C-alpha atoms as a PDB file:
ATOM      1  CA  MET A   1       0.000   0.000   0.000  1.00  0.00           C
ATOM      2  CA  ILE A   2       1.002   3.586  -0.570  1.00  0.00           C
ATOM      3  CA  LEU A   3      -0.521   7.037  -0.199  1.00  0.00           C
ATOM      4  CA  VAL A   4       0.826  10.296  -1.635  1.00  0.00           C
ATOM      5  CA  THR A   5      -0.812  13.687  -1.118  1.00  0.00           C
ATOM      6  CA  ASN A   6       0.409  17.254  -1.413  1.00  0.00           C
ATOM      7  CA  ASN A   7       0.821  19.732   1.441  1.00  0.00           C
ATOM      8  CA  GLU A   8      -2.819  20.823   1.161  1.00  0.00           C
ATOM      9  CA  GLY A   9      -3.649  17.251   2.158  1.00  0.00           C
ATOM     10  CA  THR A  10      -2.188  17.724   5.648  1.00  0.00           C
ATOM     11  CA  ILE A  11      -5.560  17.705   7.400  1.00  0.00           C
ATOM     12  CA  GLY A  12      -6.858  14.637   5.599  1.00  0.00           C
ATOM     13  CA  VAL A  13      -3.818  12.398   5.281  1.00  0.00           C
ATOM     14  CA  PRO A  14      -4.023  10.800   8.781  1.00  0.00           C
ATOM     15  CA  THR A  15      -7.624   9.702   8.172  1.00  0.00           C
ATOM     16  CA  THR A  16      -6.934   8.343   4.699  1.00  0.00           C
ATOM     17  CA  ALA A  17      -3.854   6.454   5.878  1.00  0.00           C
ATOM     18  CA  ARG A  18      -5.701   4.994   8.868  1.00  0.00           C
ATOM     19  CA  MET A  19      -8.584   3.828   6.691  1.00  0.00           C
ATOM     20  CA  LEU A  20      -6.216   2.199   4.224  1.00  0.00           C
ATOM     21  CA  ALA A  21      -4.392   0.461   7.082  1.00  0.00           C
ATOM     22  CA  ASP A  22      -7.751  -0.851   8.310  1.00  0.00           C
ATOM     23  CA  GLY A  23      -8.545  -2.334   4.898  1.00  0.00           C
ATOM     24  CA  ALA A  24     -10.791   0.336   3.409  1.00  0.00           C
ATOM     25  CA  GLY A  25     -10.982   0.701  -0.325  1.00  0.00           C
ATOM     26  CA  GLY A  26      -8.964   3.442  -1.946  1.00  0.00           C
ATOM     27  CA  LEU A  27     -11.934   5.519  -3.110  1.00  0.00           C
ATOM     28  CA  ASP A  28     -13.549   5.479   0.337  1.00  0.00           C
ATOM     29  CA  ALA A  29     -10.296   6.457   2.037  1.00  0.00           C
ATOM     30  CA  ILE A  30      -9.502   9.235  -0.426  1.00  0.00           C
ATOM     31  CA  GLU A  31     -13.008  10.685  -0.291  1.00  0.00           C
ATOM     32  CA  ALA A  32     -12.945  10.743   3.518  1.00  0.00           C
ATOM     33  CA  GLY A  33      -9.613  12.557   3.620  1.00  0.00           C
ATOM     34  CA  ILE A  34     -10.585  15.123   0.999  1.00  0.00           C
ATOM     35  CA  ARG A  35     -13.891  15.869   2.758  1.00  0.00           C
ATOM     36  CA  LEU A  36     -11.964  16.986   5.847  1.00  0.00           C
ATOM     37  CA  ILE A  37      -9.928  19.393   3.737  1.00  0.00           C
ATOM     38  CA  GLU A  38     -12.982  20.764   1.929  1.00  0.00           C
ATOM     39  CA  ALA A  39     -14.693  21.558   5.236  1.00  0.00           C
ATOM     40  CA  ASP A  40     -11.705  23.331   6.822  1.00  0.00           C
ATOM     41  CA  PRO A  41     -11.690  27.084   6.070  1.00  0.00           C
ATOM     42  CA  SER A  42      -7.984  27.343   6.934  1.00  0.00           C
ATOM     43  CA  VAL A  43      -7.189  25.608   3.619  1.00  0.00           C
ATOM     44  CA  ARG A  44      -7.615  28.583   1.310  1.00  0.00           C
ATOM     45  CA  THR A  45      -7.418  26.749  -2.013  1.00  0.00           C
ATOM     46  CA  VAL A  46      -9.933  23.945  -1.438  1.00  0.00           C
ATOM     47  CA  GLY A  47     -13.614  23.909  -0.480  1.00  0.00           C
ATOM     48  CA  ARG A  48     -15.011  26.265   2.130  1.00  0.00           C
ATOM     49  CA  GLY A  49     -12.609  29.170   2.420  1.00  0.00           C
ATOM     50  CA  GLY A  50     -11.385  28.878  -1.162  1.00  0.00           C
ATOM     51  CA  TRP A  51     -10.756  32.026  -3.151  1.00  0.00           C
ATOM     52  CA  PRO A  52     -13.698  33.367  -5.181  1.00  0.00           C
ATOM     53  CA  ASN A  53     -13.849  34.028  -8.901  1.00  0.00           C
ATOM     54  CA  ILE A  54     -13.829  37.550 -10.278  1.00  0.00           C
ATOM     55  CA  LEU A  55     -17.529  37.988  -9.468  1.00  0.00           C
ATOM     56  CA  GLY A  56     -16.943  37.078  -5.816  1.00  0.00           C
ATOM     57  CA  GLU A  57     -18.410  33.573  -6.161  1.00  0.00           C
ATOM     58  CA  VAL A  58     -16.679  30.396  -4.943  1.00  0.00           C
ATOM     59  CA  GLU A  59     -16.712  27.734  -7.670  1.00  0.00           C
ATOM     60  CA  LEU A  60     -15.447  24.280  -6.730  1.00  0.00           C
ATOM     61  CA  ASP A  61     -14.004  21.432  -8.819  1.00  0.00           C
ATOM     62  CA  ALA A  62     -13.309  17.821  -7.813  1.00  0.00           C
ATOM     63  CA  CYS A  63     -12.658  14.414  -9.298  1.00  0.00           C
ATOM     64  CA  LEU A  64     -12.310  10.758  -8.306  1.00  0.00           C
ATOM     65  CA  MET A  65     -11.014   7.909 -10.458  1.00  0.00           C
ATOM     66  CA  ASP A  66     -11.201   4.147  -9.892  1.00  0.00           C
ATOM     67  CA  GLY A  67      -8.131   2.649 -11.531  1.00  0.00           C
ATOM     68  CA  SER A  68      -9.637  -0.844 -11.605  1.00  0.00           C
ATOM     69  CA  THR A  69     -12.638   0.110 -13.773  1.00  0.00           C
ATOM     70  CA  LEU A  70     -11.375   3.411 -15.230  1.00  0.00           C
ATOM     71  CA  ARG A  71     -14.660   4.958 -14.101  1.00  0.00           C
ATOM     72  CA  THR A  72     -14.514   8.576 -13.061  1.00  0.00           C
ATOM     73  CA  GLY A  73     -16.750  11.111 -11.412  1.00  0.00           C
ATOM     74  CA  ALA A  74     -15.957  14.785 -11.772  1.00  0.00           C
ATOM     75  CA  VAL A  75     -17.641  18.084 -11.025  1.00  0.00           C
ATOM     76  CA  GLY A  76     -16.708  21.581 -12.142  1.00  0.00           C
ATOM     77  CA  ALA A  77     -17.727  25.153 -11.295  1.00  0.00           C
ATOM     78  CA  LEU A  78     -20.031  23.918  -8.534  1.00  0.00           C
ATOM     79  CA  GLN A  79     -21.475  26.620  -6.282  1.00  0.00           C
ATOM     80  CA  GLY A  80     -23.231  26.339  -2.930  1.00  0.00           C
ATOM     81  CA  PHE A  81     -22.182  22.863  -1.783  1.00  0.00           C
ATOM     82  CA  LEU A  82     -19.621  21.857   0.817  1.00  0.00           C
ATOM     83  CA  HIS A  83     -18.235  18.607  -0.582  1.00  0.00           C
ATOM     84  CA  PRO A  84     -17.663  18.558  -4.334  1.00  0.00           C
ATOM     85  CA  VAL A  85     -15.648  15.340  -3.980  1.00  0.00           C
ATOM     86  CA  SER A  86     -18.733  13.521  -2.706  1.00  0.00           C
ATOM     87  CA  VAL A  87     -20.863  14.948  -5.510  1.00  0.00           C
ATOM     88  CA  ALA A  88     -18.209  13.618  -7.903  1.00  0.00           C
ATOM     89  CA  ARG A  89     -18.422  10.193  -6.224  1.00  0.00           C
ATOM     90  CA  GLU A  90     -22.180  10.100  -6.716  1.00  0.00           C
ATOM     91  CA  ILE A  91     -21.809  11.018 -10.395  1.00  0.00           C
ATOM     92  CA  MET A  92     -19.673   7.894 -10.706  1.00  0.00           C
ATOM     93  CA  ARG A  93     -22.233   5.802  -8.825  1.00  0.00           C
ATOM     94  CA  ARG A  94     -25.520   7.078 -10.252  1.00  0.00           C
ATOM     95  CA  LEU A  95     -25.007   8.481 -13.732  1.00  0.00           C
ATOM     96  CA  PRO A  96     -23.807   7.196 -17.104  1.00  0.00           C
ATOM     97  CA  HIS A  97     -21.754  10.417 -17.308  1.00  0.00           C
ATOM     98  CA  GLU A  98     -18.276  11.250 -16.052  1.00  0.00           C
ATOM     99  CA  LEU A  99     -18.373  15.051 -15.611  1.00  0.00           C
ATOM    100  CA  LEU A 100     -21.032  17.626 -14.674  1.00  0.00           C
ATOM    101  CA  VAL A 101     -20.434  21.373 -14.500  1.00  0.00           C
ATOM    102  CA  GLY A 102     -22.119  24.594 -13.420  1.00  0.00           C
ATOM    103  CA  ASP A 103     -25.906  24.641 -13.092  1.00  0.00           C
ATOM    104  CA  GLY A 104     -26.203  20.981 -14.051  1.00  0.00           C
ATOM    105  CA  ALA A 105     -23.758  19.973 -11.337  1.00  0.00           C
ATOM    106  CA  ALA A 106     -25.691  22.033  -8.779  1.00  0.00           C
ATOM    107  CA  ARG A 107     -28.987  20.500  -9.905  1.00  0.00           C
ATOM    108  CA  PHE A 108     -27.565  16.998  -9.436  1.00  0.00           C
ATOM    109  CA  ALA A 109     -26.140  17.935  -6.017  1.00  0.00           C
ATOM    110  CA  ARG A 110     -29.588  19.114  -4.904  1.00  0.00           C
ATOM    111  CA  GLU A 111     -31.171  15.952  -6.285  1.00  0.00           C
ATOM    112  CA  ILE A 112     -28.941  13.704  -4.170  1.00  0.00           C
ATOM    113  CA  GLY A 113     -29.302  15.871  -1.052  1.00  0.00           C
ATOM    114  CA  ALA A 114     -25.675  16.996  -0.942  1.00  0.00           C
ATOM    115  CA  GLU A 115     -24.768  19.286   1.955  1.00  0.00           C
ATOM    116  CA  THR A 116     -25.143  22.950   1.099  1.00  0.00           C
ATOM    117  CA  ALA A 117     -22.793  25.692   2.292  1.00  0.00           C
ATOM    118  CA  ASP A 118     -21.879  29.333   1.832  1.00  0.00           C
ATOM    119  CA  ASN A 119     -18.244  28.780   0.926  1.00  0.00           C
ATOM    120  CA  LEU A 120     -17.299  32.471   0.805  1.00  0.00           C
ATOM    121  CA  ILE A 121     -15.861  33.034   4.274  1.00  0.00           C
ATOM    122  CA  ALA A 122     -15.446  36.517   5.717  1.00  0.00           C
ATOM    123  CA  ASP A 123     -11.719  36.824   5.003  1.00  0.00           C
ATOM    124  CA  SER A 124     -12.125  35.781   1.365  1.00  0.00           C
ATOM    125  CA  LYS A 125     -14.962  38.265   0.981  1.00  0.00           C
ATOM    126  CA  ARG A 126     -12.801  40.991   2.555  1.00  0.00           C
ATOM    127  CA  ALA A 127      -9.919  40.264   0.172  1.00  0.00           C
ATOM    128  CA  TRP A 128     -12.209  40.240  -2.849  1.00  0.00           C
ATOM    129  CA  GLN A 129     -13.858  43.499  -1.783  1.00  0.00           C
ATOM    130  CA  ALA A 130     -10.463  45.143  -1.325  1.00  0.00           C
ATOM    131  CA  TRP A 131      -9.513  44.080  -4.850  1.00  0.00           C
ATOM    132  CA  PHE A 132     -12.860  45.323  -6.194  1.00  0.00           C
ATOM    133  CA  ASP A 133     -12.518  48.727  -4.521  1.00  0.00           C
ATOM    134  CA  ALA A 134      -8.933  49.184  -5.698  1.00  0.00           C
ATOM    135  CA  GLU A 135      -9.148  47.968  -9.295  1.00  0.00           C
ATOM    136  CA  LEU A 136     -12.508  48.968 -10.729  1.00  0.00           C
ATOM    137  CA  THR A 137     -13.219  52.347 -12.257  1.00  0.00           C
ATOM    138  CA  PRO A 138     -16.299  54.294 -11.100  1.00  0.00           C
ATOM    139  CA  GLU A 139     -17.955  53.387 -14.404  1.00  0.00           C
ATOM    140  CA  GLN A 140     -17.281  49.679 -13.916  1.00  0.00           C
ATOM    141  CA  THR A 141     -18.509  49.845 -10.332  1.00  0.00           C
ATOM    142  CA  ALA A 142     -21.765  51.466 -11.411  1.00  0.00           C
ATOM    143  CA  ALA A 143     -22.368  48.851 -14.123  1.00  0.00           C
ATOM    144  CA  TRP A 144     -21.222  45.799 -12.121  1.00  0.00           C
ATOM    145  CA  PRO A 145     -21.516  42.916 -12.909  1.00  0.00           C
ATOM    146  CA  ASP A 146     -22.428  43.796 -16.487  1.00  0.00           C
ATOM    147  CA  VAL A 147     -18.899  44.759 -17.491  1.00  0.00           C
ATOM    148  CA  ALA A 148     -16.182  43.158 -19.602  1.00  0.00           C
ATOM    149  CA  LEU A 149     -14.259  40.742 -17.377  1.00  0.00           C
ATOM    150  CA  ALA A 150     -11.479  39.517 -19.663  1.00  0.00           C
ATOM    151  CA  ALA A 151      -8.982  42.225 -18.760  1.00  0.00           C
ATOM    152  CA  LEU A 152      -9.897  42.133 -15.078  1.00  0.00           C
ATOM    153  CA  CYS A 153      -9.315  38.387 -14.809  1.00  0.00           C
ATOM    154  CA  GLN A 154      -5.625  38.911 -15.592  1.00  0.00           C
ATOM    155  CA  HIS A 155      -5.354  39.522 -11.845  1.00  0.00           C
ATOM    156  CA  ALA A 156      -5.870  35.769 -11.480  1.00  0.00           C
ATOM    157  CA  ILE A 157      -2.199  35.227 -12.284  1.00  0.00           C
ATOM    158  CA  ASP A 158      -1.117  37.333  -9.298  1.00  0.00           C
ATOM    159  CA  PRO A 159       1.313  35.048  -7.405  1.00  0.00           C
ATOM    160  CA  GLU A 160      -0.064  36.343  -4.109  1.00  0.00           C
ATOM    161  CA  VAL A 161      -3.475  34.829  -4.881  1.00  0.00           C
ATOM    162  CA  GLY A 162      -3.839  31.122  -4.153  1.00  0.00           C
ATOM    163  CA  ARG A 163      -4.357  28.706  -7.027  1.00  0.00           C
ATOM    164  CA  ASP A 164      -3.625  25.270  -5.652  1.00  0.00           C
ATOM    165  CA  THR A 165      -5.392  21.955  -5.179  1.00  0.00           C
ATOM    166  CA  THR A 166      -5.353  18.889  -3.011  1.00  0.00           C
ATOM    167  CA  VAL A 167      -4.482  15.608  -4.718  1.00  0.00           C
ATOM    168  CA  PHE A 168      -4.504  12.074  -3.316  1.00  0.00           C
ATOM    169  CA  LEU A 169      -3.007   8.958  -4.934  1.00  0.00           C
ATOM    170  CA  ALA A 170      -3.419   5.595  -3.209  1.00  0.00           C
ATOM    171  CA  GLN A 171      -2.955   1.876  -3.629  1.00  0.00           C
ATOM    172  CA  ASP A 172      -5.151  -0.037  -1.172  1.00  0.00           C
ATOM    173  CA  SER A 173      -4.715  -3.477   0.416  1.00  0.00           C
ATOM    174  CA  SER A 174      -6.351  -5.182  -2.577  1.00  0.00           C
ATOM    175  CA  GLY A 175      -3.818  -3.606  -4.915  1.00  0.00           C
ATOM    176  CA  ALA A 176      -6.380  -1.241  -6.459  1.00  0.00           C
ATOM    177  CA  ILE A 177      -5.090   2.205  -7.382  1.00  0.00           C
ATOM    178  CA  CYS A 178      -7.278   5.331  -7.149  1.00  0.00           C
ATOM    179  CA  SER A 179      -6.909   9.092  -7.383  1.00  0.00           C
ATOM    180  CA  GLY A 180      -8.794  12.110  -6.082  1.00  0.00           C
ATOM    181  CA  THR A 181      -8.616  15.891  -6.398  1.00  0.00           C
ATOM    182  CA  SER A 182     -10.460  18.924  -5.042  1.00  0.00           C
ATOM    183  CA  THR A 183      -9.937  22.656  -5.503  1.00  0.00           C
ATOM    184  CA  SER A 184     -11.483  26.101  -5.577  1.00  0.00           C
ATOM    185  CA  GLY A 185      -9.234  26.935  -8.509  1.00  0.00           C
ATOM    186  CA  TRP A 186      -7.600  30.290  -9.109  1.00  0.00           C
ATOM    187  CA  GLY A 187      -8.611  33.303  -7.126  1.00  0.00           C
ATOM    188  CA  TRP A 188     -10.183  35.995  -9.354  1.00  0.00           C
ATOM    189  CA  LYS A 189     -10.620  33.502 -12.225  1.00  0.00           C
ATOM    190  CA  TYR A 190     -13.084  34.114 -15.060  1.00  0.00           C
ATOM    191  CA  PRO A 191     -16.479  32.599 -14.100  1.00  0.00           C
ATOM    192  CA  GLY A 192     -16.809  29.039 -15.337  1.00  0.00           C
ATOM    193  CA  ARG A 193     -13.058  28.466 -15.628  1.00  0.00           C
ATOM    194  CA  LEU A 194     -12.090  24.818 -15.201  1.00  0.00           C
ATOM    195  CA  GLY A 195      -8.552  23.984 -14.277  1.00  0.00           C
ATOM    196  CA  ASP A 196      -7.033  20.543 -14.594  1.00  0.00           C
ATOM    197  CA  SER A 197      -8.520  19.104 -11.386  1.00  0.00           C
ATOM    198  CA  PRO A 198     -11.820  17.885 -12.895  1.00  0.00           C
ATOM    199  CA  ILE A 199     -10.256  17.037 -16.270  1.00  0.00           C
ATOM    200  CA  ILE A 200      -9.377  13.359 -16.346  1.00  0.00           C
ATOM    201  CA  GLY A 201      -5.964  12.819 -17.877  1.00  0.00           C
ATOM    202  CA  ALA A 202      -4.790  16.353 -17.129  1.00  0.00           C
ATOM    203  CA  GLY A 203      -5.061  16.836 -13.364  1.00  0.00           C
ATOM    204  CA  SER A 204      -5.256  13.167 -12.409  1.00  0.00           C
ATOM    205  CA  TYR A 205      -5.395   9.661 -13.809  1.00  0.00           C
ATOM    206  CA  ALA A 206      -5.341   6.183 -12.241  1.00  0.00           C
ATOM    207  CA  ASP A 207      -4.910   2.741 -13.753  1.00  0.00           C
ATOM    208  CA  THR A 208      -4.472  -0.225 -11.416  1.00  0.00           C
ATOM    209  CA  ARG A 209      -2.368  -1.991 -14.048  1.00  0.00           C
ATOM    210  CA  TYR A 210       0.352   0.676 -14.082  1.00  0.00           C
ATOM    211  CA  GLY A 211      -0.002   3.481 -11.529  1.00  0.00           C
ATOM    212  CA  ALA A 212      -1.464   6.936 -11.061  1.00  0.00           C
ATOM    213  CA  ALA A 213      -0.547  10.590 -11.309  1.00  0.00           C
ATOM    214  CA  ALA A 214      -1.944  13.946 -10.211  1.00  0.00           C
ATOM    215  CA  CYS A 215      -0.904  17.570 -10.557  1.00  0.00           C
ATOM    216  CA  THR A 216      -1.217  20.844  -8.678  1.00  0.00           C
ATOM    217  CA  GLY A 217      -0.433  24.414  -9.675  1.00  0.00           C
ATOM    218  CA  ALA A 218      -1.076  25.980 -13.080  1.00  0.00           C
ATOM    219  CA  GLY A 219      -3.670  23.592 -14.470  1.00  0.00           C
ATOM    220  CA  GLU A 220      -3.670  25.276 -17.857  1.00  0.00           C
ATOM    221  CA  MET A 221      -0.226  23.768 -18.420  1.00  0.00           C
ATOM    222  CA  THR A 222      -1.210  20.189 -17.589  1.00  0.00           C
ATOM    223  CA  ILE A 223      -4.394  20.463 -19.649  1.00  0.00           C
ATOM    224  CA  ARG A 224      -2.285  21.432 -22.657  1.00  0.00           C
ATOM    225  CA  CYS A 225       0.099  18.514 -22.080  1.00  0.00           C
ATOM    226  CA  GLY A 226      -2.337  15.846 -20.843  1.00  0.00           C
ATOM    227  CA  THR A 227       0.172  15.360 -18.049  1.00  0.00           C
ATOM    228  CA  ALA A 228      -1.451  12.821 -15.720  1.00  0.00           C
ATOM    229  CA  ARG A 229      -2.471  10.423 -18.480  1.00  0.00           C
ATOM    230  CA  ALA A 230       0.923  10.809 -20.138  1.00  0.00           C
ATOM    231  CA  ILE A 231       2.696   9.669 -16.966  1.00  0.00           C
ATOM    232  CA  VAL A 232       0.588   6.505 -16.785  1.00  0.00           C
ATOM    233  CA  LEU A 233       1.209   5.826 -20.480  1.00  0.00           C
ATOM    234  CA  TYR A 234       4.952   6.275 -20.013  1.00  0.00           C
ATOM    235  CA  MET A 235       4.801   3.679 -17.219  1.00  0.00           C
ATOM    236  CA  LYS A 236       2.734   1.376 -19.450  1.00  0.00           C
ATOM    237  CA  LYS A 237       5.530   1.568 -22.009  1.00  0.00           C
ATOM    238  CA  GLY A 238       8.106   0.536 -19.421  1.00  0.00           C
ATOM    239  CA  ALA A 239       9.274   3.713 -17.701  1.00  0.00           C
ATOM    240  CA  SER A 240       9.820   3.816 -13.970  1.00  0.00           C
ATOM    241  CA  VAL A 241       7.564   6.226 -12.131  1.00  0.00           C
ATOM    242  CA  ALA A 242      10.516   8.596 -11.667  1.00  0.00           C
ATOM    243  CA  ASP A 243      11.339   8.556 -15.366  1.00  0.00           C
ATOM    244  CA  ALA A 244       7.670   8.941 -16.288  1.00  0.00           C
ATOM    245  CA  VAL A 245       7.299  12.035 -14.111  1.00  0.00           C
ATOM    246  CA  HIS A 246      10.491  13.544 -15.512  1.00  0.00           C
ATOM    247  CA  GLU A 247       9.359  12.780 -19.059  1.00  0.00           C
ATOM    248  CA  ALA A 248       6.073  14.575 -18.387  1.00  0.00           C
ATOM    249  CA  ALA A 249       8.000  17.550 -17.043  1.00  0.00           C
ATOM    250  CA  ASP A 250      10.120  17.468 -20.184  1.00  0.00           C
ATOM    251  CA  ASP A 251       6.935  17.569 -22.307  1.00  0.00           C
ATOM    252  CA  MET A 252       6.186  21.001 -20.874  1.00  0.00           C
ATOM    253  CA  ARG A 253       9.130  22.453 -22.754  1.00  0.00           C
ATOM    254  CA  ALA A 254       6.941  22.430 -25.863  1.00  0.00           C
ATOM    255  CA  LEU A 255       4.572  24.980 -24.319  1.00  0.00           C
ATOM    256  CA  LYS A 256       4.743  28.338 -26.040  1.00  0.00           C
ATOM    257  CA  GLY A 257       2.644  31.316 -24.990  1.00  0.00           C
ATOM    258  CA  GLY A 258      -0.133  31.231 -22.437  1.00  0.00           C
ATOM    259  CA  LEU A 259       0.688  30.823 -18.784  1.00  0.00           C
ATOM    260  CA  ILE A 260       3.996  29.155 -17.940  1.00  0.00           C
ATOM    261  CA  SER A 261       4.160  28.867 -14.159  1.00  0.00           C
ATOM    262  CA  ARG A 262       4.550  26.240 -11.414  1.00  0.00           C
ATOM    263  CA  VAL A 263       3.255  22.676 -11.602  1.00  0.00           C
ATOM    264  CA  THR A 264       3.933  19.945  -9.061  1.00  0.00           C
ATOM    265  CA  ILE A 265       3.629  16.435 -10.479  1.00  0.00           C
ATOM    266  CA  HIS A 266       2.916  13.421  -8.239  1.00  0.00           C
ATOM    267  CA  GLY A 267       3.158   9.800  -9.371  1.00  0.00           C
ATOM    268  CA  ILE A 268       2.931   6.278  -7.929  1.00  0.00           C
ATOM    269  CA  ASP A 269       3.370   2.860  -9.523  1.00  0.00           C
ATOM    270  CA  THR A 270       2.063  -0.613  -8.678  1.00  0.00           C
ATOM    271  CA  ARG A 271       5.140  -1.598  -6.646  1.00  0.00           C
ATOM    272  CA  GLY A 272       5.067   1.061  -3.949  1.00  0.00           C
ATOM    273  CA  ASN A 273       7.377   3.505  -5.704  1.00  0.00           C
ATOM    274  CA  HIS A 274       6.611   7.200  -6.090  1.00  0.00           C
ATOM    275  CA  LYS A 275       8.010  10.457  -7.434  1.00  0.00           C
ATOM    276  CA  VAL A 276       7.097  14.100  -6.803  1.00  0.00           C
ATOM    277  CA  VAL A 277       8.663  16.894  -8.885  1.00  0.00           C
ATOM    278  CA  ALA A 278       7.921  20.610  -8.518  1.00  0.00           C
ATOM    279  CA  VAL A 279       8.410  22.069 -11.991  1.00  0.00           C
ATOM    280  CA  ASN A 280       9.451  25.710 -11.645  1.00  0.00           C
ATOM    281  CA  GLY A 281       9.228  25.279  -7.878  1.00  0.00           C
ATOM    282  CA  ASP A 282      11.309  27.317  -5.476  1.00  0.00           C
ATOM    283  CA  GLY A 283      12.501  24.390  -3.389  1.00  0.00           C
ATOM    284  CA  SER A 284       9.873  24.790  -0.685  1.00  0.00           C
ATOM    285  CA  ASN A 285       7.336  22.279  -2.029  1.00  0.00           C
ATOM    286  CA  VAL A 286       6.569  19.348   0.250  1.00  0.00           C
ATOM    287  CA  TYR A 287       4.235  16.356   0.151  1.00  0.00           C
ATOM    288  CA  TRP A 288       3.007  13.577   2.433  1.00  0.00           C
ATOM    289  CA  LEU A 289       3.996   9.925   2.007  1.00  0.00           C
ATOM    290  CA  TRP A 290       2.561   6.861   3.727  1.00  0.00           C
ATOM    291  CA  GLU A 291       4.001   3.477   2.779  1.00  0.00           C
ATOM    292  CA  GLY A 292       1.557   1.060   4.369  1.00  0.00           C
ATOM    293  CA  ALA A 293       2.742   1.213   7.964  1.00  0.00           C
ATOM    294  CA  GLY A 294       3.546   3.755  10.634  1.00  0.00           C
ATOM    295  CA  GLU A 295       2.623   7.412  10.328  1.00  0.00           C
ATOM    296  CA  PRO A 296       2.585   9.563   7.186  1.00  0.00           C
ATOM    297  CA  ARG A 297       5.730  11.622   6.831  1.00  0.00           C
ATOM    298  CA  ARG A 298       6.380  14.944   5.133  1.00  0.00           C
ATOM    299  CA  CYS A 299       8.959  14.883   2.354  1.00  0.00           C
ATOM    300  CA  PRO A 300      10.574  17.523   0.115  1.00  0.00           C
ATOM    301  CA  ALA A 301       9.639  17.517  -3.545  1.00  0.00           C
ATOM    302  CA  GLU A 302      12.381  17.529  -6.133  1.00  0.00           C
ATOM    303  CA  ALA A 303      12.649  21.004  -7.637  1.00  0.00           C
ATOM    304  CA  ALA A 304      13.209  21.407 -11.348  1.00  0.00           C
ATOM    305  CA  ARG A 305      12.793  24.115 -13.955  1.00  0.00           C
ATOM    306  CA  ILE A 306      11.582  23.817 -17.488  1.00  0.00           C
ATOM    307  CA  GLY A 307      14.775  24.537 -19.362  1.00  0.00           C
ATOM    308  CA  ASP A 308      17.291  23.633 -16.654  1.00  0.00           C
ATOM    309  CA  GLY A 309      18.016  20.150 -17.950  1.00  0.00           C
ATOM    310  CA  VAL A 310      15.442  18.048 -16.105  1.00  0.00           C
ATOM    311  CA  GLY A 311      14.755  15.017 -18.250  1.00  0.00           C
ATOM    312  CA  ARG A 312      17.378  15.979 -20.827  1.00  0.00           C
ATOM    313  CA  VAL A 313      19.077  12.624 -20.367  1.00  0.00           C
ATOM    314  CA  SER A 314      15.975  11.284 -22.007  1.00  0.00           C
ATOM    315  CA  PRO A 315      13.968   8.895 -19.844  1.00  0.00           C
ATOM    316  CA  THR A 316      12.407   7.656 -23.089  1.00  0.00           C
ATOM    317  CA  ALA A 317      15.820   6.651 -24.386  1.00  0.00           C
ATOM    318  CA  ARG A 318      16.631   4.902 -21.102  1.00  0.00           C
ATOM    319  CA  TYR A 319      13.521   2.764 -20.851  1.00  0.00           C
ATOM    320  CA  THR A 320      13.423   2.044 -24.601  1.00  0.00           C
ATOM    321  CA  ALA A 321      16.969   0.748 -24.370  1.00  0.00           C
ATOM    322  CA  ALA A 322      16.131  -1.268 -21.276  1.00  0.00           C
ATOM    323  CA  ARG A 323      13.156  -2.952 -22.956  1.00  0.00           C
ATOM    324  CA  ALA A 324      15.286  -3.749 -25.989  1.00  0.00           C
ATOM    325  CA  GLY A 325      17.712  -5.580 -23.697  1.00  0.00           C
END
C-alpha cells in the first residue's frame, strides 16, 4: 500500500492512511480525507474558504477515479455545496456520465441531497472586496456585474493569490489504485473556468495496471500537455515512475505562450514507488507519504525548472533501451 498527497492534504492524510491500514478501499479512504480538507476554512485553495472568482463567487471542482474500472466522477464550477468530492463520487455511482459542471452539477447535487454551504468566508470576501474597490473604475462599479471581465481576470495570475489543489493517490490493500482531487481553482478567475482538477488525464489519472498521477499548480499547463495520463502511459511503455514524471515535465518544454508557471507532479506505480517533482518550484514544495505502515511523513519535492536540464538525459531513451535488452 502507498498514499501520496500534497501539502494541502495535511488535514486529511491521517484519516486516509488509517482507513487504508484498516482495509478500506482506496476511493472510500480518499473521499474521507478530501472531505476533511474541503470543510476546513484554513485551507484557502480547497472547499469552504477557497478564493472566489472575479464575481466574488466560490466555484469548486473535484474528481475521483477508480483505476480498476477506469470509471470517473468529476464536477466543475459547482457553487453552494460543501463537498464537491462527494458529488463527484455520486456522479460515478448514479449516472452514465463522467463530468457535470455549473448549473447541471448544482442541480444533481440538490437531487442527491448533498450538503449545502456558503463557501465564501469573511476573510475571502474581505480580500475580494479590497480588490474590487482598488481595481474597478467608477464606471465599472456602477455597471457591475455587467462589465467586460477579460482584462480584469488577468489579476488571477497574481502570485499572491492562491491557485492550488489537493491531490490524493493511493494503492489499497487489494492492490487497487485510485486518485482524487479537489480545488477552488484560481482566485479571481473568469467565471466558469475549469482547471485541470476535474479534467481526467490532465489533473489526475489512475490505472491499477500501471499506476497513477496527479498535478497541482497551473492547471492550464497540464491540460495542454495531458500530463497525468501521459505519466501513466509512459509507465505502461516501461518507464519507472521517476522517469515517467520527468518525461512529463520534459513535455512542458513544448509549451509556447499562455501561462507558464509552477506545476507539481505526483506519481505512484504498482510496486510502492513514487516520485514528486515541482516544476518551476522554489525548493519549498513538500508532500506527504505513507508506505503502508507507521505514520505519514512529510517529504521535500524535487525542484526542477523547465529549461534547466530536467529530463534531458531522455527517460524515453533509457527505458526504450532497457526494454530492448
